[in-house]
PDB file of N, CA and C in Angstrom:
ATOM      1  N   UNK A   1       0.857  -1.105  -0.137  1.00  0.00           N
ATOM      2  CA  UNK A   1       0.032   0.148  -0.067  1.00  0.00           C
ATOM      3  C   UNK A   1       0.910   1.167  -0.063  1.00  0.00           C
ATOM      4  N   UNK A   2       0.699   2.007  -0.926  1.00  0.00           N
ATOM      5  CA  UNK A   2       1.389   3.360  -0.932  1.00  0.00           C
ATOM      6  C   UNK A   2       0.947   4.470  -0.025  1.00  0.00           C
ATOM      7  N   UNK A   3       1.645   5.025   0.902  1.00  0.00           N
ATOM      8  CA  UNK A   3       1.182   5.878   1.810  1.00  0.00           C
ATOM      9  C   UNK A   3       1.904   7.297   1.561  1.00  0.00           C
ATOM     10  N   UNK A   4       0.816   8.351   1.781  1.00  0.00           N
ATOM     11  CA  UNK A   4       1.463   9.684   1.653  1.00  0.00           C
ATOM     12  C   UNK A   4       1.454  10.407   3.192  1.00  0.00           C
ATOM     13  N   UNK A   5       1.900  11.614   3.176  1.00  0.00           N
ATOM     14  CA  UNK A   5       1.873  12.282   4.531  1.00  0.00           C
ATOM     15  C   UNK A   5       1.706  13.942   4.104  1.00  0.00           C
ATOM     16  N   UNK A   6       1.243  14.306   5.512  1.00  0.00           N
ATOM     17  CA  UNK A   6       1.328  15.845   5.490  1.00  0.00           C
ATOM     18  C   UNK A   6       1.834  16.344   6.581  1.00  0.00           C
ATOM     19  N   UNK A   7       2.672  17.373   6.504  1.00  0.00           N
ATOM     20  CA  UNK A   7       3.197  18.037   7.839  1.00  0.00           C
ATOM     21  C   UNK A   7       1.883  18.907   8.291  1.00  0.00           C
ATOM     22  N   UNK A   8       1.568  18.568   9.509  1.00  0.00           N
ATOM     23  CA  UNK A   8       0.342  19.438  10.113  1.00  0.00           C
ATOM     24  C   UNK A   8       0.758  20.607  11.057  1.00  0.00           C
ATOM     25  N   UNK A   9       1.718  20.134  11.895  1.00  0.00           N
ATOM     26  CA  UNK A   9       2.331  21.050  13.105  1.00  0.00           C
ATOM     27  C   UNK A   9       3.685  21.142  12.915  1.00  0.00           C
ATOM     28  N   UNK A  10       4.247  22.339  13.292  1.00  0.00           N
ATOM     29  CA  UNK A  10       5.798  22.494  13.375  1.00  0.00           C
ATOM     30  C   UNK A  10       5.833  23.380  14.859  1.00  0.00           C
ATOM     31  N   UNK A  11       6.387  22.611  15.672  1.00  0.00           N
ATOM     32  CA  UNK A  11       6.617  23.059  17.095  1.00  0.00           C
ATOM     33  C   UNK A  11       8.315  23.449  16.972  1.00  0.00           C
ATOM     34  N   UNK A  12       8.124  24.937  16.996  1.00  0.00           N
ATOM     35  CA  UNK A  12       9.398  25.696  16.603  1.00  0.00           C
ATOM     36  C   UNK A  12      10.215  25.419  18.192  1.00  0.00           C
ATOM     37  N   UNK A  13       9.484  25.357  19.203  1.00  0.00           N
ATOM     38  CA  UNK A  13      10.236  25.446  20.709  1.00  0.00           C
ATOM     39  C   UNK A  13      11.006  24.006  20.708  1.00  0.00           C
ATOM     40  N   UNK A  14      10.364  22.869  20.329  1.00  0.00           N
ATOM     41  CA  UNK A  14      11.075  21.600  20.324  1.00  0.00           C
ATOM     42  C   UNK A  14      11.640  21.117  19.097  1.00  0.00           C
ATOM     43  N   UNK A  15      11.486  21.892  18.119  1.00  0.00           N
ATOM     44  CA  UNK A  15      11.939  21.398  16.806  1.00  0.00           C
ATOM     45  C   UNK A  15      11.626  20.042  16.243  1.00  0.00           C
ATOM     46  N   UNK A  16      10.188  19.900  16.421  1.00  0.00           N
ATOM     47  CA  UNK A  16       9.710  18.715  15.857  1.00  0.00           C
ATOM     48  C   UNK A  16       8.353  19.065  14.912  1.00  0.00           C
ATOM     49  N   UNK A  17       8.001  17.988  14.174  1.00  0.00           N
ATOM     50  CA  UNK A  17       6.729  18.270  13.568  1.00  0.00           C
ATOM     51  C   UNK A  17       6.020  17.232  13.692  1.00  0.00           C
ATOM     52  N   UNK A  18       4.409  17.383  13.446  1.00  0.00           N
ATOM     53  CA  UNK A  18       3.528  16.275  13.472  1.00  0.00           C
ATOM     54  C   UNK A  18       2.983  16.003  12.142  1.00  0.00           C
ATOM     55  N   UNK A  19       3.061  14.849  11.639  1.00  0.00           N
ATOM     56  CA  UNK A  19       2.828  14.372  10.354  1.00  0.00           C
ATOM     57  C   UNK A  19       1.617  13.481  10.251  1.00  0.00           C
ATOM     58  N   UNK A  20       0.468  13.791   9.174  1.00  0.00           N
ATOM     59  CA  UNK A  20      -0.510  12.966   9.267  1.00  0.00           C
ATOM     60  C   UNK A  20      -0.271  11.829   8.184  1.00  0.00           C
ATOM     61  N   UNK A  21      -0.427  10.758   8.273  1.00  0.00           N
ATOM     62  CA  UNK A  21      -0.308   9.612   7.312  1.00  0.00           C
ATOM     63  C   UNK A  21      -1.565   9.352   6.652  1.00  0.00           C
ATOM     64  N   UNK A  22      -1.437   9.264   5.278  1.00  0.00           N
ATOM     65  CA  UNK A  22      -2.803   8.901   4.545  1.00  0.00           C
ATOM     66  C   UNK A  22      -2.585   7.954   3.368  1.00  0.00           C
ATOM     67  N   UNK A  23      -3.781   7.296   3.009  1.00  0.00           N
ATOM     68  CA  UNK A  23      -3.865   6.293   2.023  1.00  0.00           C
ATOM     69  C   UNK A  23      -3.918   6.906   0.734  1.00  0.00           C
ATOM     70  N   UNK A  24      -4.011   6.232  -0.197  1.00  0.00           N
ATOM     71  CA  UNK A  24      -3.879   7.063  -1.599  1.00  0.00           C
ATOM     72  C   UNK A  24      -5.292   7.705  -1.831  1.00  0.00           C
ATOM     73  N   UNK A  25      -6.295   7.489  -1.275  1.00  0.00           N
ATOM     74  CA  UNK A  25      -7.657   7.956  -1.606  1.00  0.00           C
ATOM     75  C   UNK A  25      -7.774   9.142  -0.493  1.00  0.00           C
ATOM     76  N   UNK A  26      -6.773   9.541   0.284  1.00  0.00           N
ATOM     77  CA  UNK A  26      -6.780  10.591   1.197  1.00  0.00           C
ATOM     78  C   UNK A  26      -7.152   9.994   2.573  1.00  0.00           C
ATOM     79  N   UNK A  27      -7.530   8.931   2.900  1.00  0.00           N
ATOM     80  CA  UNK A  27      -8.094   8.646   4.367  1.00  0.00           C
ATOM     81  C   UNK A  27      -6.693   8.675   5.139  1.00  0.00           C
ATOM     82  N   UNK A  28      -6.979   9.399   6.249  1.00  0.00           N
ATOM     83  CA  UNK A  28      -5.985   9.653   7.264  1.00  0.00           C
ATOM     84  C   UNK A  28      -5.839   8.304   8.027  1.00  0.00           C
ATOM     85  N   UNK A  29      -4.859   7.859   8.304  1.00  0.00           N
ATOM     86  CA  UNK A  29      -4.593   6.586   9.076  1.00  0.00           C
ATOM     87  C   UNK A  29      -4.040   6.900  10.442  1.00  0.00           C
ATOM     88  N   UNK A  30      -3.252   7.957  10.537  1.00  0.00           N
ATOM     89  CA  UNK A  30      -2.796   8.142  11.895  1.00  0.00           C
ATOM     90  C   UNK A  30      -1.831   9.149  12.011  1.00  0.00           C
ATOM     91  N   UNK A  31      -1.065   9.612  12.881  1.00  0.00           N
ATOM     92  CA  UNK A  31      -0.080  10.636  13.118  1.00  0.00           C
ATOM     93  C   UNK A  31       1.079  10.242  13.963  1.00  0.00           C
ATOM     94  N   UNK A  32       2.231  10.819  13.320  1.00  0.00           N
ATOM     95  CA  UNK A  32       3.438  10.408  13.982  1.00  0.00           C
ATOM     96  C   UNK A  32       4.124  12.024  14.326  1.00  0.00           C
ATOM     97  N   UNK A  33       5.030  11.854  15.413  1.00  0.00           N
ATOM     98  CA  UNK A  33       5.836  13.188  15.583  1.00  0.00           C
ATOM     99  C   UNK A  33       7.315  12.769  15.382  1.00  0.00           C
ATOM    100  N   UNK A  34       7.971  13.724  14.574  1.00  0.00           N
ATOM    101  CA  UNK A  34       9.355  13.658  14.192  1.00  0.00           C
ATOM    102  C   UNK A  34      10.077  14.843  14.644  1.00  0.00           C
ATOM    103  N   UNK A  35      11.223  14.322  15.273  1.00  0.00           N
ATOM    104  CA  UNK A  35      12.282  15.543  15.387  1.00  0.00           C
ATOM    105  C   UNK A  35      12.942  15.890  14.191  1.00  0.00           C
ATOM    106  N   UNK A  36      12.981  17.104  13.725  1.00  0.00           N
ATOM    107  CA  UNK A  36      13.556  17.623  12.528  1.00  0.00           C
ATOM    108  C   UNK A  36      14.917  17.579  12.709  1.00  0.00           C
ATOM    109  N   UNK A  37      15.463  16.745  11.704  1.00  0.00           N
ATOM    110  CA  UNK A  37      17.133  16.527  11.648  1.00  0.00           C
ATOM    111  C   UNK A  37      17.694  17.792  10.920  1.00  0.00           C
ATOM    112  N   UNK A  38      18.963  18.161  11.313  1.00  0.00           N
ATOM    113  CA  UNK A  38      19.636  19.352  10.770  1.00  0.00           C
ATOM    114  C   UNK A  38      20.463  18.935   9.356  1.00  0.00           C
ATOM    115  N   UNK A  39      20.695  19.851   8.397  1.00  0.00           N
ATOM    116  CA  UNK A  39      21.652  19.433   7.326  1.00  0.00           C
ATOM    117  C   UNK A  39      23.079  20.060   8.004  1.00  0.00           C
ATOM    118  N   UNK A  40      24.057  19.778   6.945  1.00  0.00           N
ATOM    119  CA  UNK A  40      25.523  20.073   7.271  1.00  0.00           C
ATOM    120  C   UNK A  40      25.628  21.479   7.824  1.00  0.00           C
ATOM    121  N   UNK A  41      24.924  22.422   7.526  1.00  0.00           N
ATOM    122  CA  UNK A  41      24.876  23.869   7.873  1.00  0.00           C
ATOM    123  C   UNK A  41      24.055  24.199   9.040  1.00  0.00           C
ATOM    124  N   UNK A  42      23.665  23.146   9.791  1.00  0.00           N
ATOM    125  CA  UNK A  42      22.895  23.398  11.059  1.00  0.00           C
ATOM    126  C   UNK A  42      21.414  23.947  10.898  1.00  0.00           C
ATOM    127  N   UNK A  43      20.768  23.764   9.629  1.00  0.00           N
ATOM    128  CA  UNK A  43      19.513  24.064   9.440  1.00  0.00           C
ATOM    129  C   UNK A  43      18.691  22.942   9.335  1.00  0.00           C
ATOM    130  N   UNK A  44      17.274  23.102   9.328  1.00  0.00           N
ATOM    131  CA  UNK A  44      16.472  21.876   9.303  1.00  0.00           C
ATOM    132  C   UNK A  44      16.365  21.452   7.851  1.00  0.00           C
ATOM    133  N   UNK A  45      16.084  20.165   7.692  1.00  0.00           N
ATOM    134  CA  UNK A  45      16.092  19.664   6.250  1.00  0.00           C
ATOM    135  C   UNK A  45      14.729  20.178   5.889  1.00  0.00           C
ATOM    136  N   UNK A  46      14.712  20.487   4.371  1.00  0.00           N
ATOM    137  CA  UNK A  46      13.336  21.064   4.008  1.00  0.00           C
ATOM    138  C   UNK A  46      13.295  20.241   2.389  1.00  0.00           C
ATOM    139  N   UNK A  47      12.130  20.215   1.972  1.00  0.00           N
ATOM    140  CA  UNK A  47      11.857  19.808   0.373  1.00  0.00           C
ATOM    141  C   UNK A  47      12.008  18.574   0.275  1.00  0.00           C
ATOM    142  N   UNK A  48      12.478  18.009  -0.809  1.00  0.00           N
ATOM    143  CA  UNK A  48      12.553  16.422  -1.123  1.00  0.00           C
ATOM    144  C   UNK A  48      13.487  15.814   0.021  1.00  0.00           C
ATOM    145  N   UNK A  49      14.502  16.299   0.407  1.00  0.00           N
ATOM    146  CA  UNK A  49      15.425  15.958   1.612  1.00  0.00           C
ATOM    147  C   UNK A  49      14.408  15.473   2.896  1.00  0.00           C
ATOM    148  N   UNK A  50      13.660  16.493   3.286  1.00  0.00           N
ATOM    149  CA  UNK A  50      12.644  16.251   4.387  1.00  0.00           C
ATOM    150  C   UNK A  50      11.641  15.262   3.947  1.00  0.00           C
ATOM    151  N   UNK A  51      11.132  15.363   2.925  1.00  0.00           N
ATOM    152  CA  UNK A  51      10.028  14.039   2.545  1.00  0.00           C
ATOM    153  C   UNK A  51      10.741  12.895   2.523  1.00  0.00           C
ATOM    154  N   UNK A  52      11.848  12.873   2.010  1.00  0.00           N
ATOM    155  CA  UNK A  52      12.442  11.404   2.122  1.00  0.00           C
ATOM    156  C   UNK A  52      12.983  10.852   3.510  1.00  0.00           C
ATOM    157  N   UNK A  53      13.152  11.853   4.201  1.00  0.00           N
ATOM    158  CA  UNK A  53      13.443  11.516   5.898  1.00  0.00           C
ATOM    159  C   UNK A  53      11.989  11.143   6.499  1.00  0.00           C
ATOM    160  N   UNK A  54      10.950  11.944   6.290  1.00  0.00           N
ATOM    161  CA  UNK A  54       9.797  11.694   6.824  1.00  0.00           C
ATOM    162  C   UNK A  54       9.308  10.149   6.217  1.00  0.00           C
ATOM    163  N   UNK A  55       9.360   9.842   5.087  1.00  0.00           N
ATOM    164  CA  UNK A  55       8.960   8.544   4.480  1.00  0.00           C
ATOM    165  C   UNK A  55       9.424   7.366   5.203  1.00  0.00           C
ATOM    166  N   UNK A  56      10.616   7.689   5.578  1.00  0.00           N
ATOM    167  CA  UNK A  56      11.488   6.706   6.294  1.00  0.00           C
ATOM    168  C   UNK A  56      10.655   5.988   7.728  1.00  0.00           C
ATOM    169  N   UNK A  57      10.067   7.195   8.197  1.00  0.00           N
ATOM    170  CA  UNK A  57       9.582   6.912   9.450  1.00  0.00           C
ATOM    171  C   UNK A  57       8.128   6.144   9.347  1.00  0.00           C
ATOM    172  N   UNK A  58       7.423   6.270   8.115  1.00  0.00           N
ATOM    173  CA  UNK A  58       6.111   5.880   8.047  1.00  0.00           C
ATOM    174  C   UNK A  58       6.221   4.381   8.277  1.00  0.00           C
ATOM    175  N   UNK A  59       5.279   3.658   9.140  1.00  0.00           N
ATOM    176  CA  UNK A  59       5.277   2.219   9.340  1.00  0.00           C
ATOM    177  C   UNK A  59       4.342   1.520   8.529  1.00  0.00           C
ATOM    178  N   UNK A  60       4.899   1.386   7.262  1.00  0.00           N
ATOM    179  CA  UNK A  60       4.226   0.777   6.336  1.00  0.00           C
ATOM    180  C   UNK A  60       3.617  -0.546   6.492  1.00  0.00           C
ATOM    181  N   UNK A  61       4.274  -1.161   7.127  1.00  0.00           N
ATOM    182  CA  UNK A  61       3.927  -2.885   7.508  1.00  0.00           C
ATOM    183  C   UNK A  61       2.835  -2.652   8.574  1.00  0.00           C
ATOM    184  N   UNK A  62       3.003  -1.683   9.727  1.00  0.00           N
ATOM    185  CA  UNK A  62       1.972  -1.605  10.319  1.00  0.00           C
ATOM    186  C   UNK A  62       0.523  -1.407   9.829  1.00  0.00           C
ATOM    187  N   UNK A  63       0.582  -0.368   8.977  1.00  0.00           N
ATOM    188  CA  UNK A  63      -0.721  -0.023   8.366  1.00  0.00           C
ATOM    189  C   UNK A  63      -1.146  -0.909   7.323  1.00  0.00           C
ATOM    190  N   UNK A  64      -0.278  -1.799   6.662  1.00  0.00           N
ATOM    191  CA  UNK A  64      -0.936  -2.960   5.872  1.00  0.00           C
ATOM    192  C   UNK A  64      -1.392  -3.985   6.561  1.00  0.00           C
ATOM    193  N   UNK A  65      -0.771  -4.374   7.617  1.00  0.00           N
ATOM    194  CA  UNK A  65      -1.188  -5.381   8.642  1.00  0.00           C
ATOM    195  C   UNK A  65      -2.702  -5.043   9.139  1.00  0.00           C
ATOM    196  N   UNK A  66      -2.855  -3.751   9.442  1.00  0.00           N
ATOM    197  CA  UNK A  66      -3.971  -3.292  10.106  1.00  0.00           C
ATOM    198  C   UNK A  66      -5.158  -3.343   9.182  1.00  0.00           C
ATOM    199  N   UNK A  67      -4.992  -3.096   7.810  1.00  0.00           N
ATOM    200  CA  UNK A  67      -5.810  -3.220   6.860  1.00  0.00           C
ATOM    201  C   UNK A  67      -6.104  -4.661   6.568  1.00  0.00           C
ATOM    202  N   UNK A  68      -5.198  -5.556   6.504  1.00  0.00           N
ATOM    203  CA  UNK A  68      -5.406  -6.948   6.461  1.00  0.00           C
ATOM    204  C   UNK A  68      -6.290  -7.457   7.465  1.00  0.00           C
ATOM    205  N   UNK A  69      -6.115  -7.322   8.770  1.00  0.00           N
ATOM    206  CA  UNK A  69      -6.766  -7.590   9.802  1.00  0.00           C
ATOM    207  C   UNK A  69      -8.205  -7.140   9.851  1.00  0.00           C
ATOM    208  N   UNK A  70      -8.300  -5.889   9.533  1.00  0.00           N
ATOM    209  CA  UNK A  70      -9.624  -5.316   9.232  1.00  0.00           C
ATOM    210  C   UNK A  70     -10.636  -5.800   8.345  1.00  0.00           C
ATOM    211  N   UNK A  71      -9.842  -6.443   7.222  1.00  0.00           N
ATOM    212  CA  UNK A  71     -10.714  -6.935   6.213  1.00  0.00           C
ATOM    213  C   UNK A  71     -11.441  -8.278   6.655  1.00  0.00           C
ATOM    214  N   UNK A  72     -10.637  -8.942   7.890  1.00  0.00           N
ATOM    215  CA  UNK A  72     -10.992 -10.287   8.350  1.00  0.00           C
ATOM    216  C   UNK A  72     -10.292 -11.325   8.002  1.00  0.00           C
ATOM    217  N   UNK A  73      -9.807 -12.138   9.040  1.00  0.00           N
ATOM    218  CA  UNK A  73      -9.194 -13.277   9.025  1.00  0.00           C
ATOM    219  C   UNK A  73      -9.780 -14.305   9.377  1.00  0.00           C
ATOM    220  N   UNK A  74      -9.837 -15.319   8.329  1.00  0.00           N
ATOM    221  CA  UNK A  74     -10.832 -16.675   8.318  1.00  0.00           C
ATOM    222  C   UNK A  74     -10.798 -17.385   9.600  1.00  0.00           C
ATOM    223  N   UNK A  75      -9.997 -17.637  10.372  1.00  0.00           N
ATOM    224  CA  UNK A  75      -9.811 -18.436  11.524  1.00  0.00           C
ATOM    225  C   UNK A  75      -9.674 -17.540  12.770  1.00  0.00           C
ATOM    226  N   UNK A  76     -10.369 -16.386  12.962  1.00  0.00           N
ATOM    227  CA  UNK A  76     -10.300 -15.369  14.273  1.00  0.00           C
ATOM    228  C   UNK A  76     -11.093 -15.962  15.087  1.00  0.00           C
ATOM    229  N   UNK A  77     -12.093 -16.896  14.807  1.00  0.00           N
ATOM    230  CA  UNK A  77     -12.834 -17.777  15.990  1.00  0.00           C
ATOM    231  C   UNK A  77     -12.132 -18.754  16.450  1.00  0.00           C
ATOM    232  N   UNK A  78     -11.024 -19.429  15.943  1.00  0.00           N
ATOM    233  CA  UNK A  78     -10.202 -20.347  16.466  1.00  0.00           C
ATOM    234  C   UNK A  78      -9.501 -19.533  17.636  1.00  0.00           C
ATOM    235  N   UNK A  79      -8.876 -18.383  17.300  1.00  0.00           N
ATOM    236  CA  UNK A  79      -7.976 -17.598  18.311  1.00  0.00           C
ATOM    237  C   UNK A  79      -8.845 -17.223  19.537  1.00  0.00           C
ATOM    238  N   UNK A  80     -10.061 -16.709  19.216  1.00  0.00           N
ATOM    239  CA  UNK A  80     -11.099 -16.298  20.194  1.00  0.00           C
ATOM    240  C   UNK A  80     -11.405 -17.624  21.128  1.00  0.00           C
ATOM    241  N   UNK A  81     -11.714 -18.790  20.582  1.00  0.00           N
ATOM    242  CA  UNK A  81     -12.041 -19.631  21.299  1.00  0.00           C
ATOM    243  C   UNK A  81     -10.699 -20.355  22.508  1.00  0.00           C
ATOM    244  N   UNK A  82      -9.615 -19.761  22.092  1.00  0.00           N
ATOM    245  CA  UNK A  82      -8.466 -20.058  22.910  1.00  0.00           C
ATOM    246  C   UNK A  82      -8.462 -19.139  24.254  1.00  0.00           C
ATOM    247  N   UNK A  83      -8.979 -17.959  24.077  1.00  0.00           N
ATOM    248  CA  UNK A  83      -9.044 -17.010  25.047  1.00  0.00           C
ATOM    249  C   UNK A  83      -9.489 -17.077  26.487  1.00  0.00           C
ATOM    250  N   UNK A  84      -8.646 -17.170  27.359  1.00  0.00           N
ATOM    251  CA  UNK A  84      -9.059 -17.367  28.914  1.00  0.00           C
ATOM    252  C   UNK A  84      -9.085 -16.088  29.631  1.00  0.00           C
ATOM    253  N   UNK A  85     -10.159 -15.427  29.865  1.00  0.00           N
ATOM    254  CA  UNK A  85     -10.169 -14.000  30.388  1.00  0.00           C
ATOM    255  C   UNK A  85      -9.754 -14.328  31.663  1.00  0.00           C
ATOM    256  N   UNK A  86      -9.256 -13.061  32.265  1.00  0.00           N
ATOM    257  CA  UNK A  86      -8.984 -13.085  33.696  1.00  0.00           C
ATOM    258  C   UNK A  86     -10.116 -13.083  34.747  1.00  0.00           C
ATOM    259  N   UNK A  87     -10.109 -13.695  35.660  1.00  0.00           N
ATOM    260  CA  UNK A  87     -11.174 -13.948  36.434  1.00  0.00           C
ATOM    261  C   UNK A  87     -11.693 -12.478  37.070  1.00  0.00           C
ATOM    262  N   UNK A  88     -13.081 -12.342  37.446  1.00  0.00           N
ATOM    263  CA  UNK A  88     -13.394 -10.913  37.979  1.00  0.00           C
ATOM    264  C   UNK A  88     -12.548 -10.879  39.397  1.00  0.00           C
ATOM    265  N   UNK A  89     -12.187  -9.736  39.603  1.00  0.00           N
ATOM    266  CA  UNK A  89     -11.649  -9.255  40.934  1.00  0.00           C
ATOM    267  C   UNK A  89     -12.543  -9.354  42.135  1.00  0.00           C
ATOM    268  N   UNK A  90     -12.147  -9.771  43.250  1.00  0.00           N
ATOM    269  CA  UNK A  90     -12.873  -9.653  44.446  1.00  0.00           C
ATOM    270  C   UNK A  90     -12.317  -8.582  45.392  1.00  0.00           C
ATOM    271  N   UNK A  91     -11.164  -7.908  44.828  1.00  0.00           N
ATOM    272  CA  UNK A  91     -10.508  -6.741  45.609  1.00  0.00           C
ATOM    273  C   UNK A  91     -11.468  -5.661  45.853  1.00  0.00           C
ATOM    274  N   UNK A  92     -12.028  -5.346  46.988  1.00  0.00           N
ATOM    275  CA  UNK A  92     -12.815  -4.273  47.288  1.00  0.00           C
ATOM    276  C   UNK A  92     -12.155  -2.874  46.779  1.00  0.00           C
ATOM    277  N   UNK A  93     -10.791  -2.950  46.473  1.00  0.00           N
ATOM    278  CA  UNK A  93     -10.031  -1.749  46.192  1.00  0.00           C
ATOM    279  C   UNK A  93      -9.922  -1.725  44.713  1.00  0.00           C
ATOM    280  N   UNK A  94     -10.329  -2.509  44.005  1.00  0.00           N
ATOM    281  CA  UNK A  94      -9.915  -2.564  42.382  1.00  0.00           C
ATOM    282  C   UNK A  94     -10.601  -1.335  41.944  1.00  0.00           C
ATOM    283  N   UNK A  95      -9.750  -0.473  41.091  1.00  0.00           N
ATOM    284  CA  UNK A  95     -10.383   0.382  40.457  1.00  0.00           C
ATOM    285  C   UNK A  95     -11.243   0.314  39.179  1.00  0.00           C
ATOM    286  N   UNK A  96     -12.203   0.905  39.429  1.00  0.00           N
ATOM    287  CA  UNK A  96     -13.457   0.681  38.175  1.00  0.00           C
ATOM    288  C   UNK A  96     -13.073   1.988  37.230  1.00  0.00           C
ATOM    289  N   UNK A  97     -13.171   1.507  35.944  1.00  0.00           N
ATOM    290  CA  UNK A  97     -12.924   2.687  34.839  1.00  0.00           C
ATOM    291  C   UNK A  97     -13.841   4.024  35.232  1.00  0.00           C
ATOM    292  N   UNK A  98     -14.980   3.664  35.842  1.00  0.00           N
ATOM    293  CA  UNK A  98     -16.081   4.933  35.880  1.00  0.00           C
ATOM    294  C   UNK A  98     -15.684   5.752  37.140  1.00  0.00           C
ATOM    295  N   UNK A  99     -14.789   5.308  38.062  1.00  0.00           N
ATOM    296  CA  UNK A  99     -14.343   5.983  39.155  1.00  0.00           C
ATOM    297  C   UNK A  99     -13.475   7.098  38.974  1.00  0.00           C
ATOM    298  N   UNK A 100     -14.006   8.128  39.657  1.00  0.00           N
ATOM    299  CA  UNK A 100     -13.006   9.382  39.496  1.00  0.00           C
ATOM    300  C   UNK A 100     -11.559   9.084  40.615  1.00  0.00           C
ATOM    301  N   UNK A 101     -10.557   9.740  40.536  1.00  0.00           N
ATOM    302  CA  UNK A 101      -9.664   9.641  41.253  1.00  0.00           C
ATOM    303  C   UNK A 101      -9.883   9.993  42.838  1.00  0.00           C
ATOM    304  N   UNK A 102     -10.797  11.081  42.894  1.00  0.00           N
ATOM    305  CA  UNK A 102     -11.178  11.388  44.253  1.00  0.00           C
ATOM    306  C   UNK A 102     -11.858  10.186  45.044  1.00  0.00           C
ATOM    307  N   UNK A 103     -12.703   9.420  43.993  1.00  0.00           N
ATOM    308  CA  UNK A 103     -13.321   8.372  44.991  1.00  0.00           C
ATOM    309  C   UNK A 103     -12.471   7.285  45.192  1.00  0.00           C
ATOM    310  N   UNK A 104     -11.627   7.161  44.349  1.00  0.00           N
ATOM    311  CA  UNK A 104     -10.592   5.953  44.545  1.00  0.00           C
ATOM    312  C   UNK A 104      -9.884   6.165  45.801  1.00  0.00           C
ATOM    313  N   UNK A 105      -9.152   7.453  45.984  1.00  0.00           N
ATOM    314  CA  UNK A 105      -8.688   7.815  47.176  1.00  0.00           C
ATOM    315  C   UNK A 105      -9.360   7.708  48.267  1.00  0.00           C
ATOM    316  N   UNK A 106     -10.883   8.284  48.245  1.00  0.00           N
ATOM    317  CA  UNK A 106     -11.506   8.177  49.494  1.00  0.00           C
ATOM    318  C   UNK A 106     -11.629   6.857  49.844  1.00  0.00           C
ATOM    319  N   UNK A 107     -12.011   5.677  48.944  1.00  0.00           N
ATOM    320  CA  UNK A 107     -12.061   4.591  49.147  1.00  0.00           C
ATOM    321  C   UNK A 107     -10.827   3.888  49.827  1.00  0.00           C
ATOM    322  N   UNK A 108      -9.743   4.145  49.561  1.00  0.00           N
ATOM    323  CA  UNK A 108      -8.633   3.637  50.174  1.00  0.00           C
ATOM    324  C   UNK A 108      -8.238   4.260  51.452  1.00  0.00           C
ATOM    325  N   UNK A 109      -8.576   5.591  51.568  1.00  0.00           N
ATOM    326  CA  UNK A 109      -8.267   6.301  53.079  1.00  0.00           C
ATOM    327  C   UNK A 109      -9.440   5.497  53.961  1.00  0.00           C
ATOM    328  N   UNK A 110     -10.653   5.344  53.620  1.00  0.00           N
ATOM    329  CA  UNK A 110     -11.634   4.891  54.399  1.00  0.00           C
ATOM    330  C   UNK A 110     -11.320   3.405  54.914  1.00  0.00           C
ATOM    331  N   UNK A 111     -10.735   2.589  53.695  1.00  0.00           N
ATOM    332  CA  UNK A 111     -10.346   1.329  54.043  1.00  0.00           C
ATOM    333  C   UNK A 111      -9.223   1.135  54.987  1.00  0.00           C
ATOM    334  N   UNK A 112      -8.237   2.072  55.235  1.00  0.00           N
ATOM    335  CA  UNK A 112      -7.341   1.944  56.151  1.00  0.00           C
ATOM    336  C   UNK A 112      -7.516   2.965  57.274  1.00  0.00           C
ATOM    337  N   UNK A 113      -8.942   3.404  57.520  1.00  0.00           N
ATOM    338  CA  UNK A 113      -9.458   3.988  58.624  1.00  0.00           C
ATOM    339  C   UNK A 113      -8.654   5.487  59.017  1.00  0.00           C
ATOM    340  N   UNK A 114      -8.194   6.137  57.844  1.00  0.00           N
ATOM    341  CA  UNK A 114      -7.609   7.315  57.815  1.00  0.00           C
ATOM    342  C   UNK A 114      -8.593   8.510  57.602  1.00  0.00           C
ATOM    343  N   UNK A 115      -9.817   8.083  57.138  1.00  0.00           N
ATOM    344  CA  UNK A 115     -11.030   9.292  57.159  1.00  0.00           C
ATOM    345  C   UNK A 115     -12.175   8.270  57.706  1.00  0.00           C
ATOM    346  N   UNK A 116     -13.331   8.966  57.816  1.00  0.00           N
ATOM    347  CA  UNK A 116     -14.422   8.225  58.053  1.00  0.00           C
ATOM    348  C   UNK A 116     -15.485   8.417  57.026  1.00  0.00           C
TER     349      UNK A 116
END
């Protein structure tokens, strides 16, 4: 799969860029941040040299695999059948995804009798 890119953000303070990665039809696949390299004169690479440098960072294999997996793998049910989920926790202090940090802290302080 041929992928392209667009420079979206230039962070002057840190000397890096954020680059969006696109399929040929323009569909955006993801973002990567790249520290800008210097040329022999101590300037940032620009033009074709920068485009070539950016292209080296694009994880083509990752996006090709993601597209293949997204299209469906015929034996995925075989893998799903092998999955053994972790047992439910009986730990009263286990963190719930819906709890706020304050609720978690309050539970732990109450558990250790540090607050009532």
